[in-house]
Amino acid sequence: MKNKTSVIPREGEAQPSRCPDNSAFKQQRLPAWKPQLTIASVLSSFFLTGAFCLTVGVCLVLSANSVREIQVDYSDKCSDCSKLRENSSNWNKECHCSINFTLKEDILGDVFMYYGLQNFYQNHRRYVKSRSDAQLLGRNVNIQRSYCAPFSTYRNGTPMAPCGAIANSMFNDTIDLFYNYNSSMIQVPLLKTGNSWWTDKNVKFRNPESYNLSSAFAGTARPPYWQKPVYLLDEEDERNNGYVNDDFIIWMRVSAFATFRNLYRRVRRVRRFAEGLPAGNYTFQISYNFPVTRFKGRKHVILSTVVWSGGSNPFLGIAYLVSGTAATLAGFVITGIHLKLRKKKTYFQKQ
């Protein structure tokens, strides 16, 4: 067996250098730009940033305040239906209630209808994970290996479609809007489709491939809290059924906060409502199905317009105003420190 010998430099021999090569790149001699911070450049950057943020913030806040919005809380006004829904055995009994309200001025332009929930938490980790994205893509998967439990299969082994806690708790109140005109009620035409994101409708959600939708979901059952199977969510439009139903897609996009609103319908601008909603008396006809009393929640219906900056949420404008105010105040503080130090420097120089 050969012995391993180490290479030891002899006396007088030069040892190999471990320094980097003498090149412009390795010796950091490449041309570079280094900012020279002066008091003028620093102060100008702070004041310009502050002015920009304050201007944008004022524009966003004024834009958000110009949104016309009507919000109606029907939690107490439909108290009889709420008591009925407290008993889970009454799930197959229908309950309707009516809510009247008045528009003092016309709401011109596109009008959007939202449903709002209060004190409904969708940000729990197990709730957010309780879904099967592979199933929602129309694939044939074993949902028992997913995170849908306990809303994955029934005791007899029948799988749920769709599975998971998010789908099972889907908002299922039906809301219709009527316009009271000359002692007659005219139903306001509402659009059910076109309310979800394009990527959700065409990429993230797909129905199983089959010659018809009912056969595609054969061998599955609806979630326990649903009144209809998934292929009958919209009995008027076959293209708005199954996993690609707009109401279902919007509900599956969970909220980060306990109080939130989801887009429900859009007013179809035809005939009497071509310019929007005229002033007058209106009525919400609500089929009450979604219980909220047990978790001390509340339900709202919101009619709102949109502007170039979005809806009536002023958060972004307030954030810009706070950032602009902070930058401006920092500029004044730096200016005061600079003037104080300059006076001390001048004093010592005279001494």
Foldseek 3Di string as FASTA:
>chain_A
DDDDDDDDDDPPDDDDDPQDDPDCVSVVVDDDDDDDDDLVVLLVVLQVLLVVLLVVLVVLQVQLVVKDKDKDWCCVVQVVVLVQQVDVVCLVPWDKGKDKDFFPFFDFDKKFKKKKKAQADCADPLQLQQFDLCVQAADDDQCVPGSQPPFAADPVGQGAAGGHDLLLQQDDKDKWKWACDPNDTHTFDWDQPPQDDPCLLPPRGDHHDDPARVVSQPSHDHGPLDPDHQQVPDVVDNSLGGSNNPSSSQSSPDDRDRIDMTTGIIGDLDDPQVGHGGTTMMMMMMTDNNHDVVSPMIMMMMMIDADPSGHNDSVSSVVSNVSSVVSNVVSVVSVVVVVVVVVVVVVVVVD
